[in-house]
Amino acid sequence: MHTVAVLALDQVIPFDLSTPIEVFSRTRLPDGGPGYQVRVCAEDPEIDAGAFVVRAPWGLEGLRDAETIFVPGVTDPTAPLSPAVRDALRSAAAVGTRIASICAGTFPLAATGLLDGLRATTHWCAAELLAAMYPAVDVDPEVLYVDNGQFLTSAGAAAGMDLCLHMIRRDYGSAVAADAARLSVMPLEREGGQAQFIAYDHAPTPHGSELEALLGWLRENLARDLTLADIAERAGTSTRTLIRHFNDQIGTTPLQWLHRARIRQAQHLLETTKHSVEHIGGQVGFGSPTAFRDRFKRTTGVSPQTYRRTFS
């Protein structure tokens, strides 16, 4: 039987901790037998999980003969990893143990150096921090999970379930994974990545900034066919100066800001109205339905129709 060890670190996120425990514990093979043996391991017998304390039956020695190790997320991803945990994970990796992380669990896994040179993901709101702390890791903030073979990482919360089901399919095939998905009331595969769940809010602009009035005007005129020259004319400046001000104050270009604002408004309309996709595309300033669909999918990872089915 395949042994899965779930590593409980201090300040572990309860949802992330419970996800592999529940999904793998309930996996059944075609003959009705269990597919996995699950154990919870920790450096100390009791682990602070915020709202409650976890008493782990296994110490770090429980990682040694496990075939898979899960590293759940922690509330403070910048917290240093203890040398004992780091060494235990490295030792497990050295003998070929499969190691996976959920959400911010990518941070302690990255702290071991095992993800250096590899593509990885984490919760989208922590992706920039992960890339800054571990520049040797190729961070992809848009996918639900990344499978590098021995090392796997997932995005936030429910993406951990996507990863678990993917691993069950790798281990036992689609039929067993589909049965596990039904027990979890989850689709075996979800369309798109975590980009569809990102709230594309406008970057904050300092109160009193010279761009404040311009951005307000842009929000009110999303439906217009605006060019960079049109925006510069409204701002009373040259296009070159306008681009510099946007980069300095917002960190993006005027047209990139405009595209993102249009997509965010389109998301809102898809969630709250019954207008057709074509009508919404025109409402937010896209000249053709094809251009709208292409831009929406590039930004969110899914089509407007799929987004509406998910969030309306």
C-alpha atoms as a PDB file:
ATOM      1  CA  MET A   1       0.000   0.000   0.000  1.00  0.00           C
ATOM      2  CA  HIS A   2       1.214   3.469  -0.883  1.00  0.00           C
ATOM      3  CA  THR A   3       2.153   5.524   2.200  1.00  0.00           C
ATOM      4  CA  VAL A   4       1.401   9.261   2.214  1.00  0.00           C
ATOM      5  CA  ALA A   5       3.006  11.330   4.978  1.00  0.00           C
ATOM      6  CA  VAL A   6       1.478  14.747   5.637  1.00  0.00           C
ATOM      7  CA  LEU A   7       3.955  17.103   7.309  1.00  0.00           C
ATOM      8  CA  ALA A   8       2.366  19.405   9.892  1.00  0.00           C
ATOM      9  CA  LEU A   9       4.507  22.506  10.363  1.00  0.00           C
ATOM     10  CA  ASP A  10       3.918  25.115  13.061  1.00  0.00           C
ATOM     11  CA  GLN A  11       1.013  27.435  12.116  1.00  0.00           C
ATOM     12  CA  VAL A  12      -0.203  24.941   9.524  1.00  0.00           C
ATOM     13  CA  ILE A  13      -3.343  25.957   7.630  1.00  0.00           C
ATOM     14  CA  PRO A  14      -6.030  23.455   8.711  1.00  0.00           C
ATOM     15  CA  PHE A  15      -7.701  23.233   5.292  1.00  0.00           C
ATOM     16  CA  ASP A  16      -4.400  22.440   3.586  1.00  0.00           C
ATOM     17  CA  LEU A  17      -3.539  19.872   6.251  1.00  0.00           C
ATOM     18  CA  SER A  18      -6.864  18.076   5.955  1.00  0.00           C
ATOM     19  CA  THR A  19      -7.064  17.987   2.148  1.00  0.00           C
ATOM     20  CA  PRO A  20      -4.580  15.163   1.460  1.00  0.00           C
ATOM     21  CA  ILE A  21      -5.660  13.343   4.624  1.00  0.00           C
ATOM     22  CA  GLU A  22      -9.293  13.220   3.502  1.00  0.00           C
ATOM     23  CA  VAL A  23      -8.754  12.640  -0.219  1.00  0.00           C
ATOM     24  CA  PHE A  24      -6.169   9.868   0.110  1.00  0.00           C
ATOM     25  CA  SER A  25      -7.757   8.200   3.154  1.00  0.00           C
ATOM     26  CA  ARG A  26     -11.019   7.738   1.243  1.00  0.00           C
ATOM     27  CA  THR A  27      -9.462   6.452  -2.004  1.00  0.00           C
ATOM     28  CA  ARG A  28     -10.579   2.920  -2.783  1.00  0.00           C
ATOM     29  CA  LEU A  29      -9.198   0.460  -5.323  1.00  0.00           C
ATOM     30  CA  PRO A  30     -11.451  -1.583  -7.653  1.00  0.00           C
ATOM     31  CA  ASP A  31     -11.431  -4.488  -5.166  1.00  0.00           C
ATOM     32  CA  GLY A  32     -12.654  -2.164  -2.406  1.00  0.00           C
ATOM     33  CA  GLY A  33      -9.336  -2.039  -0.565  1.00  0.00           C
ATOM     34  CA  PRO A  34      -7.639   1.213   0.457  1.00  0.00           C
ATOM     35  CA  GLY A  35      -5.223   2.761  -1.986  1.00  0.00           C
ATOM     36  CA  TYR A  36      -3.194   4.674   0.581  1.00  0.00           C
ATOM     37  CA  GLN A  37      -2.061   4.659   4.165  1.00  0.00           C
ATOM     38  CA  VAL A  38      -1.951   8.205   5.516  1.00  0.00           C
ATOM     39  CA  ARG A  39       0.129   9.390   8.451  1.00  0.00           C
ATOM     40  CA  VAL A  40       0.505  12.872   9.977  1.00  0.00           C
ATOM     41  CA  CYS A  41       4.079  13.746  10.925  1.00  0.00           C
ATOM     42  CA  ALA A  42       5.560  16.708  12.783  1.00  0.00           C
ATOM     43  CA  GLU A  43       8.811  17.816  14.361  1.00  0.00           C
ATOM     44  CA  ASP A  44       7.058  18.327  17.713  1.00  0.00           C
ATOM     45  CA  PRO A  45       4.195  16.225  19.129  1.00  0.00           C
ATOM     46  CA  GLU A  46       1.835  19.203  19.223  1.00  0.00           C
ATOM     47  CA  ILE A  47       1.475  21.724  16.413  1.00  0.00           C
ATOM     48  CA  ASP A  48      -0.281  25.095  16.577  1.00  0.00           C
ATOM     49  CA  ALA A  49      -2.932  25.178  13.828  1.00  0.00           C
ATOM     50  CA  GLY A  50      -4.408  28.519  14.823  1.00  0.00           C
ATOM     51  CA  ALA A  51      -7.919  27.655  15.976  1.00  0.00           C
ATOM     52  CA  PHE A  52      -6.801  24.384  17.539  1.00  0.00           C
ATOM     53  CA  VAL A  53      -3.767  22.245  18.340  1.00  0.00           C
ATOM     54  CA  VAL A  54      -2.794  19.219  16.229  1.00  0.00           C
ATOM     55  CA  ARG A  55      -1.355  16.185  17.981  1.00  0.00           C
ATOM     56  CA  ALA A  56       0.743  14.341  15.403  1.00  0.00           C
ATOM     57  CA  PRO A  57       1.076  10.560  15.881  1.00  0.00           C
ATOM     58  CA  TRP A  58       4.376  10.477  13.977  1.00  0.00           C
ATOM     59  CA  GLY A  59       7.600  12.400  14.294  1.00  0.00           C
ATOM     60  CA  LEU A  60       9.887  13.236  11.387  1.00  0.00           C
ATOM     61  CA  GLU A  61      10.962   9.595  11.264  1.00  0.00           C
ATOM     62  CA  GLY A  62       7.580   8.949   9.650  1.00  0.00           C
ATOM     63  CA  LEU A  63       8.846  10.658   6.502  1.00  0.00           C
ATOM     64  CA  ARG A  64      11.687   8.202   5.933  1.00  0.00           C
ATOM     65  CA  ASP A  65       9.792   5.274   4.403  1.00  0.00           C
ATOM     66  CA  ALA A  66       6.871   7.262   2.943  1.00  0.00           C
ATOM     67  CA  GLU A  67       6.398   7.097  -0.806  1.00  0.00           C
ATOM     68  CA  THR A  68       4.769  10.536  -0.918  1.00  0.00           C
ATOM     69  CA  ILE A  69       5.185  13.542   1.385  1.00  0.00           C
ATOM     70  CA  PHE A  70       2.791  16.472   1.470  1.00  0.00           C
ATOM     71  CA  VAL A  71       3.806  19.912   2.748  1.00  0.00           C
ATOM     72  CA  PRO A  72       0.629  21.911   3.555  1.00  0.00           C
ATOM     73  CA  GLY A  73       0.585  25.698   3.680  1.00  0.00           C
ATOM     74  CA  VAL A  74       1.440  27.796   6.731  1.00  0.00           C
ATOM     75  CA  THR A  75       0.023  31.150   7.792  1.00  0.00           C
ATOM     76  CA  ASP A  76       3.428  32.867   7.671  1.00  0.00           C
ATOM     77  CA  PRO A  77       5.243  31.663   4.556  1.00  0.00           C
ATOM     78  CA  THR A  78       8.305  33.763   5.445  1.00  0.00           C
ATOM     79  CA  ALA A  79       8.897  31.837   8.699  1.00  0.00           C
ATOM     80  CA  PRO A  80      12.273  30.058   8.665  1.00  0.00           C
ATOM     81  CA  LEU A  81      12.308  26.315   8.109  1.00  0.00           C
ATOM     82  CA  SER A  82      13.885  24.357  10.945  1.00  0.00           C
ATOM     83  CA  PRO A  83      17.124  22.527  10.070  1.00  0.00           C
ATOM     84  CA  ALA A  84      15.585  19.207  11.159  1.00  0.00           C
ATOM     85  CA  VAL A  85      12.643  19.554   8.769  1.00  0.00           C
ATOM     86  CA  ARG A  86      14.872  20.791   5.955  1.00  0.00           C
ATOM     87  CA  ASP A  87      17.222  17.835   6.366  1.00  0.00           C
ATOM     88  CA  ALA A  88      14.341  15.359   6.578  1.00  0.00           C
ATOM     89  CA  LEU A  89      12.846  16.616   3.307  1.00  0.00           C
ATOM     90  CA  ARG A  90      16.213  16.626   1.555  1.00  0.00           C
ATOM     91  CA  SER A  91      16.962  13.107   2.746  1.00  0.00           C
ATOM     92  CA  ALA A  92      13.590  11.919   1.487  1.00  0.00           C
ATOM     93  CA  ALA A  93      14.169  13.578  -1.876  1.00  0.00           C
ATOM     94  CA  ALA A  94      17.599  11.965  -2.159  1.00  0.00           C
ATOM     95  CA  VAL A  95      16.040   8.484  -2.141  1.00  0.00           C
ATOM     96  CA  GLY A  96      13.377   9.434  -4.700  1.00  0.00           C
ATOM     97  CA  THR A  97      10.400  10.167  -2.457  1.00  0.00           C
ATOM     98  CA  ARG A  98       7.670  12.138  -4.199  1.00  0.00           C
ATOM     99  CA  ILE A  99       7.117  15.490  -2.439  1.00  0.00           C
ATOM    100  CA  ALA A 100       4.123  17.773  -3.014  1.00  0.00           C
ATOM    101  CA  SER A 101       3.045  21.096  -1.552  1.00  0.00           C
ATOM    102  CA  ILE A 102      -0.318  22.775  -1.162  1.00  0.00           C
ATOM    103  CA  CYS A 103      -0.795  26.542  -1.364  1.00  0.00           C
ATOM    104  CA  ALA A 104       1.841  28.348   0.747  1.00  0.00           C
ATOM    105  CA  GLY A 105       3.472  24.984   1.450  1.00  0.00           C
ATOM    106  CA  THR A 106       5.535  25.792  -1.635  1.00  0.00           C
ATOM    107  CA  PHE A 107       7.512  28.255   0.526  1.00  0.00           C
ATOM    108  CA  PRO A 108       8.960  25.719   3.013  1.00  0.00           C
ATOM    109  CA  LEU A 109       9.515  23.287   0.153  1.00  0.00           C
ATOM    110  CA  ALA A 110      11.369  25.984  -1.789  1.00  0.00           C
ATOM    111  CA  ALA A 111      13.436  26.735   1.330  1.00  0.00           C
ATOM    112  CA  THR A 112      15.013  23.283   1.017  1.00  0.00           C
ATOM    113  CA  GLY A 113      16.417  24.174  -2.408  1.00  0.00           C
ATOM    114  CA  LEU A 114      14.602  21.214  -3.979  1.00  0.00           C
ATOM    115  CA  LEU A 115      12.607  23.450  -6.321  1.00  0.00           C
ATOM    116  CA  ASP A 116      15.608  25.389  -7.665  1.00  0.00           C
ATOM    117  CA  GLY A 117      15.520  25.439 -11.455  1.00  0.00           C
ATOM    118  CA  LEU A 118      12.003  23.995 -11.528  1.00  0.00           C
ATOM    119  CA  ARG A 119       8.622  25.449 -12.394  1.00  0.00           C
ATOM    120  CA  ALA A 120       6.311  25.767  -9.375  1.00  0.00           C
ATOM    121  CA  THR A 121       3.128  27.473  -8.260  1.00  0.00           C
ATOM    122  CA  THR A 122       1.421  28.702  -5.114  1.00  0.00           C
ATOM    123  CA  HIS A 123      -1.637  30.771  -4.230  1.00  0.00           C
ATOM    124  CA  TRP A 124      -1.813  33.613  -6.745  1.00  0.00           C
ATOM    125  CA  CYS A 125      -1.682  36.330  -4.081  1.00  0.00           C
ATOM    126  CA  ALA A 126       1.630  34.924  -2.774  1.00  0.00           C
ATOM    127  CA  ALA A 127       3.269  34.296  -6.150  1.00  0.00           C
ATOM    128  CA  GLU A 128       5.236  37.565  -6.261  1.00  0.00           C
ATOM    129  CA  LEU A 129       6.571  36.959  -2.750  1.00  0.00           C
ATOM    130  CA  LEU A 130       7.618  33.410  -3.662  1.00  0.00           C
ATOM    131  CA  ALA A 131       9.451  34.662  -6.743  1.00  0.00           C
ATOM    132  CA  ALA A 132      11.189  37.380  -4.716  1.00  0.00           C
ATOM    133  CA  MET A 133      12.255  35.045  -1.903  1.00  0.00           C
ATOM    134  CA  TYR A 134      13.349  32.190  -4.178  1.00  0.00           C
ATOM    135  CA  PRO A 135      14.511  33.631  -7.505  1.00  0.00           C
ATOM    136  CA  ALA A 136      15.901  30.248  -8.586  1.00  0.00           C
ATOM    137  CA  VAL A 137      12.320  28.913  -8.749  1.00  0.00           C
ATOM    138  CA  ASP A 138      10.325  29.502 -11.953  1.00  0.00           C
ATOM    139  CA  VAL A 139       7.023  30.684 -10.441  1.00  0.00           C
ATOM    140  CA  ASP A 140       3.867  30.236 -12.518  1.00  0.00           C
ATOM    141  CA  PRO A 141       0.941  32.020 -10.795  1.00  0.00           C
ATOM    142  CA  GLU A 142      -1.745  31.017 -13.295  1.00  0.00           C
ATOM    143  CA  VAL A 143      -1.974  27.220 -13.033  1.00  0.00           C
ATOM    144  CA  LEU A 144      -3.775  25.029 -10.497  1.00  0.00           C
ATOM    145  CA  TYR A 145      -0.781  22.744 -10.031  1.00  0.00           C
ATOM    146  CA  VAL A 146       2.623  21.876 -11.501  1.00  0.00           C
ATOM    147  CA  ASP A 147       3.884  18.296 -11.844  1.00  0.00           C
ATOM    148  CA  ASN A 148       7.662  18.013 -12.203  1.00  0.00           C
ATOM    149  CA  GLY A 149       7.640  14.271 -11.642  1.00  0.00           C
ATOM    150  CA  GLN A 150       9.206  13.975  -8.194  1.00  0.00           C
ATOM    151  CA  PHE A 151       8.215  17.451  -6.998  1.00  0.00           C
ATOM    152  CA  LEU A 152       4.687  18.802  -7.334  1.00  0.00           C
ATOM    153  CA  THR A 153       3.186  22.105  -6.197  1.00  0.00           C
ATOM    154  CA  SER A 154      -0.376  23.413  -6.132  1.00  0.00           C
ATOM    155  CA  ALA A 155      -2.146  26.724  -5.863  1.00  0.00           C
ATOM    156  CA  GLY A 156      -4.428  27.776  -3.031  1.00  0.00           C
ATOM    157  CA  ALA A 157      -7.153  25.910  -1.157  1.00  0.00           C
ATOM    158  CA  ALA A 158      -9.215  23.736  -3.519  1.00  0.00           C
ATOM    159  CA  ALA A 159      -6.314  23.450  -5.978  1.00  0.00           C
ATOM    160  CA  GLY A 160      -4.807  21.051  -3.447  1.00  0.00           C
ATOM    161  CA  MET A 161      -7.700  18.721  -4.216  1.00  0.00           C
ATOM    162  CA  ASP A 162      -6.991  19.032  -7.940  1.00  0.00           C
ATOM    163  CA  LEU A 163      -3.404  18.003  -7.241  1.00  0.00           C
ATOM    164  CA  CYS A 164      -4.419  15.060  -5.048  1.00  0.00           C
ATOM    165  CA  LEU A 165      -6.773  13.727  -7.728  1.00  0.00           C
ATOM    166  CA  HIS A 166      -4.066  14.159 -10.352  1.00  0.00           C
ATOM    167  CA  MET A 167      -1.661  12.125  -8.216  1.00  0.00           C
ATOM    168  CA  ILE A 168      -4.238   9.373  -7.645  1.00  0.00           C
ATOM    169  CA  ARG A 169      -4.706   9.133 -11.398  1.00  0.00           C
ATOM    170  CA  ARG A 170      -0.935   8.861 -11.808  1.00  0.00           C
ATOM    171  CA  ASP A 171      -0.792   6.086  -9.211  1.00  0.00           C
ATOM    172  CA  TYR A 172      -3.901   4.027  -9.985  1.00  0.00           C
ATOM    173  CA  GLY A 173      -5.480   5.290 -13.202  1.00  0.00           C
ATOM    174  CA  SER A 174      -8.505   7.345 -14.192  1.00  0.00           C
ATOM    175  CA  ALA A 175     -11.202   5.018 -12.832  1.00  0.00           C
ATOM    176  CA  VAL A 176      -9.880   5.140  -9.258  1.00  0.00           C
ATOM    177  CA  ALA A 177      -9.278   8.891  -9.539  1.00  0.00           C
ATOM    178  CA  ALA A 178     -12.799   9.468 -10.877  1.00  0.00           C
ATOM    179  CA  ASP A 179     -14.255   7.551  -7.929  1.00  0.00           C
ATOM    180  CA  ALA A 180     -12.169   9.661  -5.508  1.00  0.00           C
ATOM    181  CA  ALA A 181     -13.382  12.800  -7.297  1.00  0.00           C
ATOM    182  CA  ARG A 182     -17.023  11.758  -6.868  1.00  0.00           C
ATOM    183  CA  LEU A 183     -16.467  11.168  -3.141  1.00  0.00           C
ATOM    184  CA  SER A 184     -14.944  14.655  -2.894  1.00  0.00           C
ATOM    185  CA  VAL A 185     -17.776  16.157  -4.999  1.00  0.00           C
ATOM    186  CA  MET A 186     -15.115  17.535  -7.322  1.00  0.00           C
ATOM    187  CA  PRO A 187     -14.643  17.336 -11.087  1.00  0.00           C
ATOM    188  CA  LEU A 188     -11.677  15.161 -11.986  1.00  0.00           C
ATOM    189  CA  GLU A 189     -10.357  18.053 -14.084  1.00  0.00           C
ATOM    190  CA  ARG A 190     -11.310  21.728 -13.892  1.00  0.00           C
ATOM    191  CA  GLU A 191     -11.132  24.012 -16.895  1.00  0.00           C
ATOM    192  CA  GLY A 192      -8.514  26.740 -16.845  1.00  0.00           C
ATOM    193  CA  GLY A 193      -6.098  27.631 -14.069  1.00  0.00           C
ATOM    194  CA  GLN A 194      -6.181  29.836 -11.023  1.00  0.00           C
ATOM    195  CA  ALA A 195      -6.000  32.956 -13.193  1.00  0.00           C
ATOM    196  CA  GLN A 196      -9.792  32.774 -13.469  1.00  0.00           C
ATOM    197  CA  PHE A 197     -10.049  33.239  -9.678  1.00  0.00           C
ATOM    198  CA  ILE A 198      -7.858  36.329  -9.486  1.00  0.00           C
ATOM    199  CA  ALA A 199      -9.724  39.543  -8.767  1.00  0.00           C
ATOM    200  CA  TYR A 200      -8.118  41.945 -11.227  1.00  0.00           C
ATOM    201  CA  ASP A 201      -8.560  45.066  -9.176  1.00  0.00           C
ATOM    202  CA  HIS A 202      -7.004  48.304 -10.277  1.00  0.00           C
ATOM    203  CA  ALA A 203      -3.579  49.022  -8.882  1.00  0.00           C
ATOM    204  CA  PRO A 204      -3.861  51.589  -6.101  1.00  0.00           C
ATOM    205  CA  THR A 205      -3.134  55.173  -7.080  1.00  0.00           C
ATOM    206  CA  PRO A 206      -1.973  57.599  -4.411  1.00  0.00           C
ATOM    207  CA  HIS A 207      -4.649  60.118  -3.468  1.00  0.00           C
ATOM    208  CA  GLY A 208      -3.936  63.383  -5.237  1.00  0.00           C
ATOM    209  CA  SER A 209      -1.792  61.708  -7.885  1.00  0.00           C
ATOM    210  CA  GLU A 210      -1.726  63.421 -11.276  1.00  0.00           C
ATOM    211  CA  LEU A 211      -3.172  60.189 -12.715  1.00  0.00           C
ATOM    212  CA  GLU A 212      -6.139  60.019 -10.332  1.00  0.00           C
ATOM    213  CA  ALA A 213      -8.529  62.040 -12.503  1.00  0.00           C
ATOM    214  CA  LEU A 214      -7.362  60.330 -15.682  1.00  0.00           C
ATOM    215  CA  LEU A 215      -7.979  56.841 -14.271  1.00  0.00           C
ATOM    216  CA  GLY A 216     -11.466  57.901 -13.211  1.00  0.00           C
ATOM    217  CA  TRP A 217     -12.141  59.089 -16.752  1.00  0.00           C
ATOM    218  CA  LEU A 218     -10.837  55.833 -18.203  1.00  0.00           C
ATOM    219  CA  ARG A 219     -13.137  53.783 -15.949  1.00  0.00           C
ATOM    220  CA  GLU A 220     -16.093  55.802 -17.212  1.00  0.00           C
ATOM    221  CA  ASN A 221     -15.073  55.358 -20.862  1.00  0.00           C
ATOM    222  CA  LEU A 222     -14.121  51.695 -21.105  1.00  0.00           C
ATOM    223  CA  ALA A 223     -16.519  51.170 -24.009  1.00  0.00           C
ATOM    224  CA  ARG A 224     -14.759  53.746 -26.203  1.00  0.00           C
ATOM    225  CA  ASP A 225     -12.178  52.736 -28.798  1.00  0.00           C
ATOM    226  CA  LEU A 226      -9.320  54.494 -27.043  1.00  0.00           C
ATOM    227  CA  THR A 227      -5.776  54.692 -28.375  1.00  0.00           C
ATOM    228  CA  LEU A 228      -2.648  55.678 -26.514  1.00  0.00           C
ATOM    229  CA  ALA A 229      -2.802  59.037 -28.301  1.00  0.00           C
ATOM    230  CA  ASP A 230      -6.401  59.545 -27.102  1.00  0.00           C
ATOM    231  CA  ILE A 231      -5.390  58.899 -23.494  1.00  0.00           C
ATOM    232  CA  ALA A 232      -2.361  61.186 -23.758  1.00  0.00           C
ATOM    233  CA  GLU A 233      -4.515  63.935 -25.241  1.00  0.00           C
ATOM    234  CA  ARG A 234      -6.967  63.614 -22.365  1.00  0.00           C
ATOM    235  CA  ALA A 235      -4.054  63.810 -19.904  1.00  0.00           C
ATOM    236  CA  GLY A 236      -2.647  66.845 -21.721  1.00  0.00           C
ATOM    237  CA  THR A 237       0.761  65.283 -22.189  1.00  0.00           C
ATOM    238  CA  SER A 238       2.837  63.365 -24.708  1.00  0.00           C
ATOM    239  CA  THR A 239       2.491  59.598 -25.098  1.00  0.00           C
ATOM    240  CA  ARG A 240       6.088  59.152 -23.933  1.00  0.00           C
ATOM    241  CA  THR A 241       5.497  61.147 -20.746  1.00  0.00           C
ATOM    242  CA  LEU A 242       2.204  59.333 -20.150  1.00  0.00           C
ATOM    243  CA  ILE A 243       3.890  55.927 -20.370  1.00  0.00           C
ATOM    244  CA  ARG A 244       6.596  57.065 -17.944  1.00  0.00           C
ATOM    245  CA  HIS A 245       4.026  58.312 -15.417  1.00  0.00           C
ATOM    246  CA  PHE A 246       2.081  55.030 -15.579  1.00  0.00           C
ATOM    247  CA  ASN A 247       5.233  52.986 -15.091  1.00  0.00           C
ATOM    248  CA  ASP A 248       6.396  55.149 -12.192  1.00  0.00           C
ATOM    249  CA  GLN A 249       3.070  55.358 -10.356  1.00  0.00           C
ATOM    250  CA  ILE A 250       1.243  52.131 -11.258  1.00  0.00           C
ATOM    251  CA  GLY A 251       3.895  49.802 -12.607  1.00  0.00           C
ATOM    252  CA  THR A 252       2.238  49.121 -15.945  1.00  0.00           C
ATOM    253  CA  THR A 253       1.483  50.818 -19.273  1.00  0.00           C
ATOM    254  CA  PRO A 254      -1.694  52.797 -20.044  1.00  0.00           C
ATOM    255  CA  LEU A 255      -3.002  50.200 -22.498  1.00  0.00           C
ATOM    256  CA  GLN A 256      -2.219  47.285 -20.178  1.00  0.00           C
ATOM    257  CA  TRP A 257      -4.121  49.078 -17.414  1.00  0.00           C
ATOM    258  CA  LEU A 258      -7.011  49.685 -19.796  1.00  0.00           C
ATOM    259  CA  HIS A 259      -7.138  46.035 -20.939  1.00  0.00           C
ATOM    260  CA  ARG A 260      -7.157  44.803 -17.349  1.00  0.00           C
ATOM    261  CA  ALA A 261      -9.885  47.283 -16.373  1.00  0.00           C
ATOM    262  CA  ARG A 262     -12.009  46.084 -19.281  1.00  0.00           C
ATOM    263  CA  ILE A 263     -11.573  42.433 -18.309  1.00  0.00           C
ATOM    264  CA  ARG A 264     -12.447  43.176 -14.695  1.00  0.00           C
ATOM    265  CA  GLN A 265     -15.633  44.959 -15.792  1.00  0.00           C
ATOM    266  CA  ALA A 266     -16.415  42.050 -18.113  1.00  0.00           C
ATOM    267  CA  GLN A 267     -16.006  39.622 -15.192  1.00  0.00           C
ATOM    268  CA  HIS A 268     -18.467  41.685 -13.177  1.00  0.00           C
ATOM    269  CA  LEU A 269     -21.011  41.730 -16.022  1.00  0.00           C
ATOM    270  CA  LEU A 270     -20.657  37.990 -16.622  1.00  0.00           C
ATOM    271  CA  GLU A 271     -21.271  37.363 -12.925  1.00  0.00           C
ATOM    272  CA  THR A 272     -24.231  39.709 -12.473  1.00  0.00           C
ATOM    273  CA  THR A 273     -26.110  40.023 -15.802  1.00  0.00           C
ATOM    274  CA  LYS A 274     -27.647  37.803 -18.457  1.00  0.00           C
ATOM    275  CA  HIS A 275     -26.243  39.879 -21.315  1.00  0.00           C
ATOM    276  CA  SER A 276     -24.742  37.858 -24.148  1.00  0.00           C
ATOM    277  CA  VAL A 277     -20.982  37.483 -24.347  1.00  0.00           C
ATOM    278  CA  GLU A 278     -21.003  39.513 -27.558  1.00  0.00           C
ATOM    279  CA  HIS A 279     -22.934  42.333 -25.899  1.00  0.00           C
ATOM    280  CA  ILE A 280     -20.606  42.399 -22.887  1.00  0.00           C
ATOM    281  CA  GLY A 281     -17.564  42.528 -25.158  1.00  0.00           C
ATOM    282  CA  GLY A 282     -18.969  45.631 -26.796  1.00  0.00           C
ATOM    283  CA  GLN A 283     -19.896  47.154 -23.433  1.00  0.00           C
ATOM    284  CA  VAL A 284     -16.301  47.019 -22.255  1.00  0.00           C
ATOM    285  CA  GLY A 285     -14.735  48.334 -25.439  1.00  0.00           C
ATOM    286  CA  PHE A 286     -13.727  45.365 -27.576  1.00  0.00           C
ATOM    287  CA  GLY A 287     -14.294  45.878 -31.273  1.00  0.00           C
ATOM    288  CA  SER A 288     -15.252  42.282 -32.020  1.00  0.00           C
ATOM    289  CA  PRO A 289     -16.451  39.217 -30.079  1.00  0.00           C
ATOM    290  CA  THR A 290     -13.351  37.331 -31.220  1.00  0.00           C
ATOM    291  CA  ALA A 291     -11.010  39.986 -29.827  1.00  0.00           C
ATOM    292  CA  PHE A 292     -12.932  39.958 -26.543  1.00  0.00           C
ATOM    293  CA  ARG A 293     -12.830  36.161 -26.194  1.00  0.00           C
ATOM    294  CA  ASP A 294      -9.134  36.016 -27.029  1.00  0.00           C
ATOM    295  CA  ARG A 295      -8.180  38.757 -24.552  1.00  0.00           C
ATOM    296  CA  PHE A 296     -10.443  37.329 -21.826  1.00  0.00           C
ATOM    297  CA  LYS A 297      -8.944  33.834 -22.155  1.00  0.00           C
ATOM    298  CA  ARG A 298      -5.369  35.152 -22.224  1.00  0.00           C
ATOM    299  CA  THR A 299      -6.044  37.061 -19.005  1.00  0.00           C
ATOM    300  CA  THR A 300      -8.133  34.574 -17.008  1.00  0.00           C
ATOM    301  CA  GLY A 301      -7.194  31.242 -18.575  1.00  0.00           C
ATOM    302  CA  VAL A 302     -10.804  30.373 -19.492  1.00  0.00           C
ATOM    303  CA  SER A 303     -13.400  31.512 -22.001  1.00  0.00           C
ATOM    304  CA  PRO A 304     -16.115  34.025 -21.040  1.00  0.00           C
ATOM    305  CA  GLN A 305     -18.708  31.230 -21.235  1.00  0.00           C
ATOM    306  CA  THR A 306     -16.735  29.017 -18.847  1.00  0.00           C
ATOM    307  CA  TYR A 307     -16.183  31.927 -16.464  1.00  0.00           C
ATOM    308  CA  ARG A 308     -19.929  32.634 -16.422  1.00  0.00           C
ATOM    309  CA  ARG A 309     -20.764  28.983 -15.691  1.00  0.00           C
ATOM    310  CA  THR A 310     -18.318  29.029 -12.807  1.00  0.00           C
ATOM    311  CA  PHE A 311     -19.177  32.344 -11.154  1.00  0.00           C
ATOM    312  CA  SER A 312     -22.652  33.481 -12.186  1.00  0.00           C
END
